[in-house]
Structures are given as C-alpha cells and as structure tokens.
Amino acid sequence: MRKLTFPLLALISLAACTQQQTEQAQQTASAAVGAAAQALGDASAPLGDLKQHASAVLGEAKQKVEQAGQDNPLLGAAVTIIKEAAGHGEEAAGWQQLEKQVGKYPTETSLYSKGMVAERLRALLGDKLSVFNANMQVSSPLQKDGVYYASGNKPHEGGSEMAYLLLDPGSKEMEVGLVENGKLTVYRDGKTEIARPQDIRNMLSNLQGG
C-alpha cells in the first residue's frame, strides 16, 4: 500500500495543479530534499541538531502542502483522499500482523503499547487504559477462535481484577472487558456484539453480569 501511495499522490497532484503550481511543488520538494541531504551528510553535526533540522524541514513541507490545498481545493481534496487511503492501508497491515502474533504474549509483541491495537485501545478506553494494563499484567498469549483474543488479571487478584480483549477480523471491531472489584464493564468501538470464545466465557462465568 505504501509503495502505491506516493506514485498515486504524484499523479493526482500533477493532474490537479496548474503547470506553474507543479513547477513550484517540484522546486519546493527539491529544496527540502537537498537541505535534508546536506544535513545528513554533515557527519560532524550533533545528532540533536540533525533531528531538529529534519523536524524543521518536515514542518515546512507540511505547511506548504496545507497551503497548496487551501489555494487549490481540488488538490486539497486529493491529498485528503490519499491520507485516508494510507490510513486504511496501515490498519489493514495491522490486522494482518495479528495473525503472526497468535501464540505470542502481548509483552513480546508490544501489542498494547504500539501499533493499530494500541491506538484503538487508547481511543476506546481513555483514562481506563491504565486499568486495562494493570489487569493484563498476568496475560495469556494472543489466541484465535474466530476472533483474536487475550485475557489477563492483576497479580494475585485473578478473581476480582481482570480484563479481556476481543478483535473481530470480520467486522474490524474491538471489545474490551474490564473487571473491577468483581464487576464487569464492557467497552466496544463498534455496534456489533462480538461472540466471546469459550475461554472468555469461562473466565466470566462466575461474575455477576458475565
């Protein structure tokens, strides 16, 4: 997906811009690449200076893209489409990555701290994310039974402080269950009630409302 994004962006941009805008965009890109290459080629420059320079170059490029979109609504719409397509591509890659993580512990794969799942957990749980992480300290590996799932509990508090995670590859939706003081609260980022695997049903069987 990433390999297709940049050629597609170039094609749409060239179609949307006037000849003058295209030349200006090419000059801006060349200048930015030249400045970055010069900075990276200076082996004597401190790493902090290189990072600061790279950040400045990226910031300037972003501003120019935003301004170009304001000046040319068609180009702005094209850039928006490209960003959305890139986002969908990254999410699809995230779901594909889950298959490779089956059988591995979330701590091995940083499942809850990096990537698509981590981002969705932050968006879904907000300030309850800390409870989820605490209740997943003693965690099962990621498993698959129609859906991807994992469960866990806070050390020495398996009967009252627990959590589970369900990820449905069909609907692309997520469900999280947090058990606090023995009481279950369910969080979903979609409208579909995801079927719970037997392991999760067993975990919740003795809970009121489970």
N, C-alpha and C. Protein backbone atom coordinates (compact mmCIF):
# COMPACT_ATOMS: atom_id res chain seq x y z
N MET A 1 0.83 -1.20 0.00
CA MET A 1 0.00 0.00 0.00
C MET A 1 0.87 1.25 0.00
N ARG A 2 1.94 1.21 0.87
CA ARG A 2 2.80 2.38 0.95
C ARG A 2 3.50 2.64 -0.37
N LYS A 3 3.86 1.54 -1.10
CA LYS A 3 4.54 1.71 -2.38
C LYS A 3 3.63 2.39 -3.40
N LEU A 4 2.31 2.19 -3.28
CA LEU A 4 1.38 2.78 -4.22
C LEU A 4 1.02 4.22 -3.87
N THR A 5 1.15 4.58 -2.61
CA THR A 5 0.66 5.87 -2.15
C THR A 5 1.38 7.02 -2.81
N PHE A 6 2.72 6.98 -2.82
CA PHE A 6 3.46 8.12 -3.32
C PHE A 6 3.30 8.33 -4.83
N PRO A 7 3.35 7.27 -5.67
CA PRO A 7 3.06 7.49 -7.10
C PRO A 7 1.66 8.02 -7.33
N LEU A 8 0.67 7.52 -6.56
CA LEU A 8 -0.70 7.98 -6.73
C LEU A 8 -0.82 9.45 -6.34
N LEU A 9 -0.16 9.83 -5.26
CA LEU A 9 -0.19 11.23 -4.84
C LEU A 9 0.42 12.12 -5.90
N ALA A 10 1.55 11.68 -6.48
CA ALA A 10 2.19 12.47 -7.51
C ALA A 10 1.28 12.62 -8.72
N LEU A 11 0.59 11.54 -9.11
CA LEU A 11 -0.30 11.58 -10.27
C LEU A 11 -1.45 12.54 -10.06
N ILE A 12 -2.10 12.43 -8.88
CA ILE A 12 -3.24 13.31 -8.59
C ILE A 12 -2.79 14.76 -8.50
N SER A 13 -1.65 14.98 -7.88
CA SER A 13 -1.15 16.34 -7.72
C SER A 13 -0.86 16.97 -9.08
N LEU A 14 -0.25 16.22 -9.96
CA LEU A 14 0.07 16.74 -11.29
C LEU A 14 -1.20 17.03 -12.08
N ALA A 15 -2.22 16.21 -11.90
CA ALA A 15 -3.47 16.43 -12.61
C ALA A 15 -4.22 17.63 -12.05
N ALA A 16 -4.11 17.87 -10.76
CA ALA A 16 -4.89 18.92 -10.12
C ALA A 16 -4.25 20.28 -10.23
N CYS A 17 -2.96 20.34 -10.29
CA CYS A 17 -2.26 21.63 -10.27
C CYS A 17 -2.13 22.20 -11.68
N THR A 18 -1.97 23.49 -11.73
CA THR A 18 -1.58 24.13 -12.97
C THR A 18 -0.11 23.86 -13.21
N GLN A 19 0.37 24.15 -14.40
CA GLN A 19 1.79 23.93 -14.71
C GLN A 19 2.67 24.71 -13.75
N GLN A 20 2.27 25.93 -13.44
CA GLN A 20 3.07 26.75 -12.53
C GLN A 20 3.11 26.15 -11.14
N GLN A 21 1.96 25.67 -10.63
CA GLN A 21 1.91 25.06 -9.31
C GLN A 21 2.76 23.80 -9.25
N THR A 22 2.73 23.04 -10.35
CA THR A 22 3.53 21.82 -10.39
C THR A 22 5.01 22.15 -10.30
N GLU A 23 5.45 23.16 -11.05
CA GLU A 23 6.84 23.55 -11.01
C GLU A 23 7.24 24.04 -9.62
N GLN A 24 6.35 24.81 -8.99
CA GLN A 24 6.63 25.29 -7.64
C GLN A 24 6.74 24.13 -6.66
N ALA A 25 5.84 23.14 -6.79
CA ALA A 25 5.88 21.99 -5.91
C ALA A 25 7.17 21.20 -6.09
N GLN A 26 7.60 21.06 -7.36
CA GLN A 26 8.83 20.34 -7.63
C GLN A 26 10.03 21.08 -7.05
N GLN A 27 10.05 22.40 -7.18
CA GLN A 27 11.14 23.19 -6.62
C GLN A 27 11.19 23.09 -5.10
N THR A 28 10.00 23.14 -4.48
CA THR A 28 9.93 23.02 -3.02
C THR A 28 10.44 21.67 -2.56
N ALA A 29 10.00 20.62 -3.26
CA ALA A 29 10.44 19.27 -2.89
C ALA A 29 11.94 19.12 -3.06
N SER A 30 12.47 19.65 -4.15
CA SER A 30 13.91 19.54 -4.39
C SER A 30 14.70 20.27 -3.32
N ALA A 31 14.22 21.45 -2.95
CA ALA A 31 14.90 22.22 -1.92
C ALA A 31 14.89 21.50 -0.59
N ALA A 32 13.75 20.91 -0.24
CA ALA A 32 13.64 20.20 1.03
C ALA A 32 14.55 18.97 1.05
N VAL A 33 14.56 18.22 -0.05
CA VAL A 33 15.42 17.04 -0.13
C VAL A 33 16.89 17.44 -0.07
N GLY A 34 17.23 18.53 -0.77
CA GLY A 34 18.61 18.99 -0.75
C GLY A 34 19.06 19.41 0.64
N ALA A 35 18.18 20.11 1.35
CA ALA A 35 18.53 20.56 2.69
C ALA A 35 18.69 19.38 3.64
N ALA A 36 17.81 18.41 3.52
CA ALA A 36 17.91 17.24 4.38
C ALA A 36 19.17 16.44 4.08
N ALA A 37 19.48 16.28 2.80
CA ALA A 37 20.67 15.53 2.41
C ALA A 37 21.94 16.21 2.90
N GLN A 38 21.95 17.54 2.81
CA GLN A 38 23.12 18.28 3.28
C GLN A 38 23.32 18.09 4.78
N ALA A 39 22.20 18.12 5.52
CA ALA A 39 22.30 17.95 6.97
C ALA A 39 22.75 16.55 7.33
N LEU A 40 22.18 15.55 6.66
CA LEU A 40 22.56 14.17 6.95
C LEU A 40 23.98 13.87 6.51
N GLY A 41 24.46 14.57 5.50
CA GLY A 41 25.81 14.35 5.02
C GLY A 41 26.87 14.97 5.89
N ASP A 42 26.47 15.85 6.78
CA ASP A 42 27.42 16.51 7.67
C ASP A 42 27.64 15.63 8.89
N ALA A 43 28.63 14.76 8.81
CA ALA A 43 28.87 13.79 9.88
C ALA A 43 29.28 14.45 11.18
N SER A 44 29.76 15.68 11.09
CA SER A 44 30.24 16.35 12.30
C SER A 44 29.10 17.00 13.08
N ALA A 45 27.92 17.08 12.49
CA ALA A 45 26.80 17.72 13.17
C ALA A 45 26.30 16.83 14.30
N PRO A 46 26.00 17.40 15.46
CA PRO A 46 25.44 16.61 16.57
C PRO A 46 24.11 16.00 16.18
N LEU A 47 23.80 14.85 16.76
CA LEU A 47 22.56 14.16 16.44
C LEU A 47 21.34 15.02 16.74
N GLY A 48 21.40 15.76 17.85
CA GLY A 48 20.28 16.62 18.20
C GLY A 48 20.02 17.68 17.14
N ASP A 49 21.11 18.23 16.58
CA ASP A 49 20.94 19.24 15.53
C ASP A 49 20.32 18.63 14.28
N LEU A 50 20.74 17.40 13.95
CA LEU A 50 20.18 16.73 12.78
C LEU A 50 18.69 16.50 12.95
N LYS A 51 18.29 16.04 14.16
CA LYS A 51 16.87 15.79 14.41
C LYS A 51 16.08 17.09 14.34
N GLN A 52 16.65 18.16 14.90
CA GLN A 52 15.96 19.44 14.88
C GLN A 52 15.79 19.95 13.46
N HIS A 53 16.85 19.80 12.65
CA HIS A 53 16.78 20.25 11.27
C HIS A 53 15.76 19.44 10.48
N ALA A 54 15.79 18.12 10.68
CA ALA A 54 14.83 17.26 9.98
C ALA A 54 13.41 17.62 10.36
N SER A 55 13.18 17.90 11.63
CA SER A 55 11.84 18.28 12.09
C SER A 55 11.39 19.58 11.44
N ALA A 56 12.33 20.52 11.32
CA ALA A 56 12.00 21.81 10.71
C ALA A 56 11.65 21.65 9.24
N VAL A 57 12.42 20.80 8.54
CA VAL A 57 12.15 20.56 7.12
C VAL A 57 10.78 19.91 6.93
N LEU A 58 10.47 18.92 7.77
CA LEU A 58 9.17 18.26 7.66
C LEU A 58 8.03 19.21 7.98
N GLY A 59 8.25 20.07 8.99
CA GLY A 59 7.23 21.04 9.35
C GLY A 59 6.95 22.02 8.22
N GLU A 60 8.02 22.49 7.58
CA GLU A 60 7.86 23.43 6.47
C GLU A 60 7.14 22.77 5.30
N ALA A 61 7.51 21.52 5.03
CA ALA A 61 6.86 20.80 3.92
C ALA A 61 5.37 20.61 4.20
N LYS A 62 5.04 20.29 5.44
CA LYS A 62 3.63 20.10 5.81
C LYS A 62 2.85 21.39 5.63
N GLN A 63 3.44 22.51 6.04
CA GLN A 63 2.77 23.80 5.89
C GLN A 63 2.52 24.12 4.42
N LYS A 64 3.51 23.81 3.58
CA LYS A 64 3.37 24.11 2.16
C LYS A 64 2.27 23.25 1.52
N VAL A 65 2.18 21.99 1.96
CA VAL A 65 1.13 21.11 1.44
C VAL A 65 -0.24 21.63 1.86
N GLU A 66 -0.37 22.04 3.12
CA GLU A 66 -1.64 22.57 3.61
C GLU A 66 -2.02 23.84 2.88
N GLN A 67 -1.05 24.70 2.65
CA GLN A 67 -1.33 25.94 1.94
C GLN A 67 -1.73 25.68 0.50
N ALA A 68 -1.05 24.71 -0.12
CA ALA A 68 -1.40 24.37 -1.51
C ALA A 68 -2.83 23.84 -1.58
N GLY A 69 -3.23 23.07 -0.57
CA GLY A 69 -4.59 22.56 -0.54
C GLY A 69 -5.62 23.66 -0.39
N GLN A 70 -5.28 24.70 0.38
CA GLN A 70 -6.19 25.84 0.54
C GLN A 70 -6.29 26.65 -0.74
N ASP A 71 -5.16 26.79 -1.43
CA ASP A 71 -5.14 27.56 -2.67
C ASP A 71 -5.83 26.81 -3.81
N ASN A 72 -5.77 25.51 -3.76
CA ASN A 72 -6.34 24.69 -4.82
C ASN A 72 -7.23 23.63 -4.19
N PRO A 73 -8.55 23.87 -4.10
CA PRO A 73 -9.45 22.91 -3.43
C PRO A 73 -9.38 21.50 -4.01
N LEU A 74 -9.18 21.39 -5.31
CA LEU A 74 -9.11 20.06 -5.92
C LEU A 74 -7.89 19.30 -5.40
N LEU A 75 -6.77 20.01 -5.30
CA LEU A 75 -5.57 19.38 -4.77
C LEU A 75 -5.78 19.01 -3.31
N GLY A 76 -6.43 19.90 -2.55
CA GLY A 76 -6.70 19.61 -1.15
C GLY A 76 -7.53 18.36 -0.97
N ALA A 77 -8.55 18.20 -1.82
CA ALA A 77 -9.39 17.01 -1.76
C ALA A 77 -8.60 15.77 -2.10
N ALA A 78 -7.69 15.90 -3.09
CA ALA A 78 -6.87 14.75 -3.47
C ALA A 78 -5.96 14.32 -2.33
N VAL A 79 -5.36 15.30 -1.66
CA VAL A 79 -4.47 14.98 -0.53
C VAL A 79 -5.26 14.30 0.58
N THR A 80 -6.49 14.77 0.84
CA THR A 80 -7.33 14.15 1.87
C THR A 80 -7.62 12.70 1.54
N ILE A 81 -7.93 12.43 0.27
CA ILE A 81 -8.20 11.06 -0.16
C ILE A 81 -6.97 10.19 0.04
N ILE A 82 -5.79 10.73 -0.28
CA ILE A 82 -4.56 9.97 -0.13
C ILE A 82 -4.31 9.65 1.33
N LYS A 83 -4.53 10.63 2.22
CA LYS A 83 -4.31 10.40 3.65
C LYS A 83 -5.25 9.31 4.18
N GLU A 84 -6.51 9.36 3.74
CA GLU A 84 -7.47 8.36 4.19
C GLU A 84 -7.09 6.98 3.67
N ALA A 85 -6.64 6.91 2.42
CA ALA A 85 -6.24 5.62 1.85
C ALA A 85 -5.03 5.06 2.59
N ALA A 86 -4.08 5.94 2.93
CA ALA A 86 -2.90 5.50 3.67
C ALA A 86 -3.30 4.97 5.04
N GLY A 87 -4.25 5.65 5.69
CA GLY A 87 -4.72 5.21 7.00
C GLY A 87 -5.36 3.83 6.94
N HIS A 88 -6.19 3.62 5.89
CA HIS A 88 -6.83 2.31 5.73
C HIS A 88 -5.78 1.23 5.47
N GLY A 89 -4.75 1.59 4.70
CA GLY A 89 -3.69 0.64 4.41
C GLY A 89 -2.93 0.23 5.65
N GLU A 90 -2.65 1.20 6.52
CA GLU A 90 -1.93 0.91 7.76
C GLU A 90 -2.77 0.03 8.68
N GLU A 91 -4.08 0.28 8.72
CA GLU A 91 -4.96 -0.53 9.57
C GLU A 91 -5.03 -1.96 9.04
N ALA A 92 -5.12 -2.10 7.70
CA ALA A 92 -5.16 -3.45 7.12
C ALA A 92 -3.88 -4.20 7.45
N ALA A 93 -2.75 -3.51 7.40
CA ALA A 93 -1.48 -4.15 7.75
C ALA A 93 -1.47 -4.56 9.21
N GLY A 94 -2.11 -3.75 10.06
CA GLY A 94 -2.20 -4.08 11.48
C GLY A 94 -2.97 -5.37 11.72
N TRP A 95 -4.08 -5.55 11.00
CA TRP A 95 -4.86 -6.78 11.14
C TRP A 95 -4.08 -7.98 10.63
N GLN A 96 -3.35 -7.81 9.55
CA GLN A 96 -2.54 -8.91 9.02
C GLN A 96 -1.44 -9.30 10.01
N GLN A 97 -0.90 -8.31 10.71
CA GLN A 97 0.16 -8.56 11.67
C GLN A 97 -0.33 -9.40 12.84
N LEU A 98 -1.61 -9.26 13.19
CA LEU A 98 -2.17 -10.02 14.31
C LEU A 98 -2.02 -11.52 14.09
N GLU A 99 -2.20 -11.97 12.86
CA GLU A 99 -2.11 -13.40 12.57
C GLU A 99 -0.72 -13.94 12.95
N LYS A 100 0.30 -13.12 12.74
CA LYS A 100 1.67 -13.54 13.05
C LYS A 100 1.93 -13.54 14.56
N GLN A 101 1.07 -12.84 15.31
CA GLN A 101 1.30 -12.72 16.74
C GLN A 101 0.53 -13.76 17.56
N VAL A 102 -0.28 -14.56 16.90
CA VAL A 102 -1.03 -15.59 17.60
C VAL A 102 -0.05 -16.57 18.26
N GLY A 103 -0.30 -16.87 19.53
CA GLY A 103 0.59 -17.75 20.28
C GLY A 103 1.69 -17.03 21.02
N LYS A 104 1.81 -15.72 20.78
CA LYS A 104 2.85 -14.93 21.45
C LYS A 104 2.21 -14.07 22.54
N TYR A 105 2.99 -13.83 23.58
CA TYR A 105 2.50 -12.98 24.66
C TYR A 105 2.52 -11.52 24.23
N PRO A 106 1.52 -10.75 24.63
CA PRO A 106 1.48 -9.32 24.25
C PRO A 106 2.73 -8.55 24.63
N THR A 107 3.39 -8.95 25.72
CA THR A 107 4.63 -8.26 26.09
C THR A 107 5.74 -8.52 25.07
N GLU A 108 5.68 -9.65 24.38
CA GLU A 108 6.68 -9.96 23.35
C GLU A 108 6.52 -9.07 22.13
N THR A 109 5.28 -8.75 21.82
CA THR A 109 4.97 -8.05 20.57
C THR A 109 4.60 -6.58 20.77
N SER A 110 4.60 -6.11 22.03
CA SER A 110 4.19 -4.73 22.34
C SER A 110 2.77 -4.46 21.83
N LEU A 111 1.91 -5.47 21.91
CA LEU A 111 0.56 -5.37 21.36
C LEU A 111 -0.22 -4.21 21.96
N TYR A 112 -0.04 -3.96 23.25
CA TYR A 112 -0.83 -2.95 23.93
C TYR A 112 -0.15 -1.57 23.97
N SER A 113 1.05 -1.49 23.44
CA SER A 113 1.78 -0.21 23.53
C SER A 113 2.13 0.39 22.19
N LYS A 114 2.12 -0.40 21.11
CA LYS A 114 2.48 0.13 19.79
C LYS A 114 1.57 -0.46 18.73
N GLY A 115 1.32 0.33 17.69
CA GLY A 115 0.59 -0.19 16.55
C GLY A 115 -0.91 0.03 16.61
N MET A 116 -1.60 -0.62 15.68
CA MET A 116 -3.03 -0.41 15.49
C MET A 116 -3.85 -0.72 16.73
N VAL A 117 -3.58 -1.85 17.37
CA VAL A 117 -4.36 -2.25 18.55
C VAL A 117 -4.16 -1.24 19.68
N ALA A 118 -2.92 -0.83 19.91
CA ALA A 118 -2.63 0.13 20.97
C ALA A 118 -3.35 1.46 20.74
N GLU A 119 -3.37 1.93 19.51
CA GLU A 119 -4.04 3.19 19.19
C GLU A 119 -5.54 3.08 19.44
N ARG A 120 -6.12 1.96 19.06
CA ARG A 120 -7.56 1.79 19.27
C ARG A 120 -7.90 1.63 20.75
N LEU A 121 -7.02 0.98 21.49
CA LEU A 121 -7.24 0.87 22.93
C LEU A 121 -7.24 2.24 23.59
N ARG A 122 -6.30 3.09 23.20
CA ARG A 122 -6.25 4.45 23.78
C ARG A 122 -7.52 5.21 23.45
N ALA A 123 -7.98 5.10 22.21
CA ALA A 123 -9.18 5.83 21.80
C ALA A 123 -10.43 5.29 22.51
N LEU A 124 -10.49 3.99 22.71
CA LEU A 124 -11.67 3.36 23.29
C LEU A 124 -11.74 3.55 24.81
N LEU A 125 -10.62 3.37 25.48
CA LEU A 125 -10.63 3.33 26.93
C LEU A 125 -10.32 4.65 27.62
N GLY A 126 -9.60 5.53 26.96
CA GLY A 126 -9.26 6.81 27.60
C GLY A 126 -8.51 6.59 28.90
N ASP A 127 -9.00 7.20 29.98
CA ASP A 127 -8.30 7.08 31.26
C ASP A 127 -8.45 5.70 31.89
N LYS A 128 -9.27 4.83 31.31
CA LYS A 128 -9.39 3.45 31.79
C LYS A 128 -8.29 2.54 31.22
N LEU A 129 -7.46 3.10 30.35
CA LEU A 129 -6.38 2.30 29.77
C LEU A 129 -5.43 1.80 30.86
N SER A 130 -5.20 2.61 31.87
CA SER A 130 -4.31 2.20 32.96
C SER A 130 -4.88 0.99 33.70
N VAL A 131 -6.21 0.94 33.84
CA VAL A 131 -6.85 -0.22 34.48
C VAL A 131 -6.65 -1.46 33.61
N PHE A 132 -6.84 -1.30 32.31
CA PHE A 132 -6.65 -2.42 31.39
C PHE A 132 -5.22 -2.97 31.50
N ASN A 133 -4.23 -2.08 31.46
CA ASN A 133 -2.84 -2.52 31.53
C ASN A 133 -2.55 -3.21 32.85
N ALA A 134 -3.09 -2.68 33.96
CA ALA A 134 -2.88 -3.30 35.27
C ALA A 134 -3.51 -4.69 35.32
N ASN A 135 -4.71 -4.81 34.73
CA ASN A 135 -5.43 -6.08 34.78
C ASN A 135 -4.96 -7.08 33.73
N MET A 136 -4.00 -6.68 32.89
CA MET A 136 -3.43 -7.57 31.90
C MET A 136 -1.97 -7.92 32.22
N GLN A 137 -1.54 -7.64 33.45
CA GLN A 137 -0.15 -7.91 33.80
C GLN A 137 0.17 -9.40 33.72
N VAL A 138 -0.76 -10.24 34.18
CA VAL A 138 -0.62 -11.69 34.02
C VAL A 138 -1.54 -12.08 32.87
N SER A 139 -0.97 -12.18 31.67
CA SER A 139 -1.79 -12.29 30.46
C SER A 139 -1.57 -13.60 29.73
N SER A 140 -2.61 -14.05 29.07
CA SER A 140 -2.49 -15.19 28.16
C SER A 140 -1.81 -14.72 26.87
N PRO A 141 -1.32 -15.66 26.06
CA PRO A 141 -0.88 -15.28 24.72
C PRO A 141 -2.08 -14.82 23.89
N LEU A 142 -1.82 -14.12 22.80
CA LEU A 142 -2.88 -13.81 21.85
C LEU A 142 -3.33 -15.11 21.21
N GLN A 143 -4.64 -15.33 21.17
CA GLN A 143 -5.19 -16.56 20.61
C GLN A 143 -6.24 -16.22 19.54
N LYS A 144 -6.63 -17.25 18.80
CA LYS A 144 -7.65 -17.04 17.76
C LYS A 144 -8.65 -18.19 17.78
N ASP A 145 -9.91 -17.79 17.89
CA ASP A 145 -11.02 -18.74 17.80
C ASP A 145 -12.17 -18.00 17.11
N GLY A 146 -12.01 -17.83 15.81
CA GLY A 146 -12.94 -16.98 15.06
C GLY A 146 -12.54 -15.52 15.18
N VAL A 147 -12.26 -15.09 16.41
CA VAL A 147 -11.76 -13.74 16.67
C VAL A 147 -10.42 -13.87 17.39
N TYR A 148 -9.64 -12.80 17.35
CA TYR A 148 -8.42 -12.75 18.14
C TYR A 148 -8.79 -12.35 19.56
N TYR A 149 -8.12 -12.97 20.53
CA TYR A 149 -8.47 -12.60 21.90
C TYR A 149 -7.31 -12.87 22.86
N ALA A 150 -7.36 -12.17 23.98
CA ALA A 150 -6.40 -12.38 25.07
C ALA A 150 -7.11 -12.01 26.36
N SER A 151 -6.66 -12.59 27.45
CA SER A 151 -7.24 -12.27 28.76
C SER A 151 -6.13 -12.21 29.79
N GLY A 152 -6.45 -11.60 30.92
CA GLY A 152 -5.43 -11.49 31.96
C GLY A 152 -6.02 -11.04 33.28
N ASN A 153 -5.15 -10.90 34.24
CA ASN A 153 -5.58 -10.43 35.55
C ASN A 153 -4.43 -9.71 36.26
N LYS A 154 -4.79 -8.93 37.24
CA LYS A 154 -3.79 -8.29 38.08
C LYS A 154 -3.16 -9.37 38.97
N PRO A 155 -1.85 -9.33 39.20
CA PRO A 155 -1.20 -10.36 40.02
C PRO A 155 -1.90 -10.57 41.36
N HIS A 156 -2.19 -11.83 41.66
CA HIS A 156 -2.79 -12.26 42.93
C HIS A 156 -4.23 -11.76 43.11
N GLU A 157 -4.84 -11.24 42.03
CA GLU A 157 -6.22 -10.75 42.13
C GLU A 157 -7.05 -11.25 40.97
N GLY A 158 -6.82 -12.52 40.62
CA GLY A 158 -7.49 -13.08 39.45
C GLY A 158 -8.99 -13.17 39.55
N GLY A 159 -9.55 -13.19 40.76
CA GLY A 159 -10.99 -13.29 40.87
C GLY A 159 -11.73 -11.99 40.80
N SER A 160 -11.02 -10.87 40.99
CA SER A 160 -11.72 -9.59 41.07
C SER A 160 -11.20 -8.51 40.14
N GLU A 161 -9.95 -8.62 39.69
CA GLU A 161 -9.36 -7.59 38.82
C GLU A 161 -8.84 -8.28 37.56
N MET A 162 -9.64 -8.27 36.52
CA MET A 162 -9.31 -8.98 35.29
C MET A 162 -9.66 -8.13 34.06
N ALA A 163 -9.27 -8.62 32.90
CA ALA A 163 -9.60 -7.94 31.65
C ALA A 163 -9.52 -8.93 30.50
N TYR A 164 -10.21 -8.60 29.43
CA TYR A 164 -10.07 -9.37 28.20
C TYR A 164 -10.14 -8.43 27.00
N LEU A 165 -9.63 -8.90 25.88
CA LEU A 165 -9.62 -8.15 24.63
C LEU A 165 -10.11 -9.06 23.52
N LEU A 166 -11.07 -8.56 22.73
CA LEU A 166 -11.56 -9.28 21.54
C LEU A 166 -11.35 -8.39 20.32
N LEU A 167 -10.87 -8.99 19.25
CA LEU A 167 -10.65 -8.28 17.98
C LEU A 167 -11.26 -9.12 16.87
N ASP A 168 -12.30 -8.59 16.23
CA ASP A 168 -13.03 -9.34 15.20
C ASP A 168 -12.49 -8.97 13.82
N PRO A 169 -11.81 -9.89 13.13
CA PRO A 169 -11.26 -9.57 11.81
C PRO A 169 -12.34 -9.38 10.74
N GLY A 170 -13.55 -9.87 11.03
CA GLY A 170 -14.64 -9.71 10.06
C GLY A 170 -15.22 -8.32 10.07
N SER A 171 -15.64 -7.88 11.25
CA SER A 171 -16.25 -6.54 11.37
C SER A 171 -15.22 -5.45 11.62
N LYS A 172 -13.97 -5.85 11.91
CA LYS A 172 -12.89 -4.91 12.24
C LYS A 172 -13.23 -4.10 13.50
N GLU A 173 -13.92 -4.74 14.42
CA GLU A 173 -14.32 -4.06 15.66
C GLU A 173 -13.60 -4.67 16.86
N MET A 174 -13.59 -3.89 17.93
CA MET A 174 -12.89 -4.28 19.15
C MET A 174 -13.84 -4.27 20.33
N GLU A 175 -13.64 -5.21 21.25
CA GLU A 175 -14.36 -5.22 22.52
C GLU A 175 -13.37 -5.45 23.64
N VAL A 176 -13.52 -4.68 24.70
CA VAL A 176 -12.69 -4.84 25.89
C VAL A 176 -13.61 -5.03 27.09
N GLY A 177 -13.28 -5.99 27.91
CA GLY A 177 -14.00 -6.18 29.16
C GLY A 177 -13.08 -5.89 30.34
N LEU A 178 -13.49 -5.01 31.21
CA LEU A 178 -12.73 -4.70 32.42
C LEU A 178 -13.51 -5.18 33.63
N VAL A 179 -12.87 -6.00 34.44
CA VAL A 179 -13.47 -6.47 35.68
C VAL A 179 -12.78 -5.74 36.83
N GLU A 180 -13.54 -4.89 37.51
CA GLU A 180 -13.01 -4.13 38.64
C GLU A 180 -13.84 -4.45 39.87
N ASN A 181 -13.16 -4.88 40.91
CA ASN A 181 -13.86 -5.29 42.14
C ASN A 181 -14.93 -6.35 41.85
N GLY A 182 -14.63 -7.23 40.89
CA GLY A 182 -15.55 -8.31 40.56
C GLY A 182 -16.69 -7.92 39.64
N LYS A 183 -16.75 -6.66 39.19
CA LYS A 183 -17.85 -6.20 38.33
C LYS A 183 -17.34 -5.95 36.92
N LEU A 184 -18.07 -6.48 35.94
CA LEU A 184 -17.68 -6.38 34.54
C LEU A 184 -18.26 -5.13 33.88
N THR A 185 -17.41 -4.40 33.16
CA THR A 185 -17.84 -3.30 32.29
C THR A 185 -17.29 -3.58 30.90
N VAL A 186 -18.16 -3.49 29.89
CA VAL A 186 -17.78 -3.81 28.52
C VAL A 186 -17.68 -2.52 27.70
N TYR A 187 -16.61 -2.42 26.92
CA TYR A 187 -16.38 -1.27 26.04
C TYR A 187 -16.27 -1.78 24.61
N ARG A 188 -17.00 -1.14 23.69
CA ARG A 188 -16.94 -1.53 22.28
C ARG A 188 -16.72 -0.29 21.41
N ASP A 189 -15.96 -0.45 20.33
CA ASP A 189 -15.79 0.66 19.40
C ASP A 189 -16.63 0.47 18.14
N GLY A 190 -17.56 -0.48 18.18
CA GLY A 190 -18.48 -0.69 17.07
C GLY A 190 -19.85 -1.06 17.60
N LYS A 191 -20.76 -1.36 16.71
CA LYS A 191 -22.14 -1.68 17.08
C LYS A 191 -22.37 -3.18 17.23
N THR A 192 -21.44 -3.98 16.76
CA THR A 192 -21.62 -5.42 16.77
C THR A 192 -21.18 -6.02 18.10
N GLU A 193 -22.00 -6.91 18.65
CA GLU A 193 -21.60 -7.65 19.85
C GLU A 193 -20.77 -8.84 19.40
N ILE A 194 -19.50 -8.82 19.72
CA ILE A 194 -18.58 -9.85 19.26
C ILE A 194 -18.80 -11.13 20.06
N ALA A 195 -18.89 -12.25 19.36
CA ALA A 195 -19.05 -13.55 20.03
C ALA A 195 -17.82 -13.86 20.87
N ARG A 196 -18.04 -14.19 22.13
CA ARG A 196 -16.93 -14.47 23.03
C ARG A 196 -16.49 -15.93 22.91
N PRO A 197 -15.21 -16.16 22.75
CA PRO A 197 -14.70 -17.54 22.74
C PRO A 197 -14.97 -18.22 24.08
N GLN A 198 -14.92 -19.55 24.09
CA GLN A 198 -15.22 -20.32 25.30
C GLN A 198 -14.31 -19.93 26.46
N ASP A 199 -13.04 -19.67 26.17
CA ASP A 199 -12.10 -19.28 27.24
C ASP A 199 -12.58 -18.02 27.96
N ILE A 200 -13.10 -17.06 27.22
CA ILE A 200 -13.56 -15.82 27.82
C ILE A 200 -14.86 -16.06 28.59
N ARG A 201 -15.74 -16.90 28.03
CA ARG A 201 -16.98 -17.21 28.74
C ARG A 201 -16.68 -17.91 30.07
N ASN A 202 -15.69 -18.81 30.04
CA ASN A 202 -15.31 -19.50 31.28
C ASN A 202 -14.77 -18.50 32.30
N MET A 203 -13.99 -17.56 31.83
CA MET A 203 -13.40 -16.56 32.71
C MET A 203 -14.46 -15.75 33.43
N LEU A 204 -15.55 -15.45 32.72
CA LEU A 204 -16.58 -14.57 33.27
C LEU A 204 -17.75 -15.33 33.89
N SER A 205 -17.70 -16.66 33.88
CA SER A 205 -18.87 -17.44 34.26
C SER A 205 -19.32 -17.22 35.70
N ASN A 206 -18.39 -16.90 36.57
CA ASN A 206 -18.75 -16.72 37.97
C ASN A 206 -19.00 -15.27 38.36
N LEU A 207 -18.96 -14.38 37.35
CA LEU A 207 -19.17 -12.97 37.64
C LEU A 207 -20.64 -12.59 37.46
N GLN A 208 -21.15 -11.72 38.29
CA GLN A 208 -22.49 -11.20 38.09
C GLN A 208 -22.50 -10.34 36.85
N GLY A 209 -23.36 -10.65 35.89
CA GLY A 209 -23.42 -9.89 34.64
C GLY A 209 -22.45 -10.43 33.61
N GLY A 210 -21.69 -11.49 33.90
CA GLY A 210 -20.75 -12.03 32.95
C GLY A 210 -21.40 -12.98 31.96
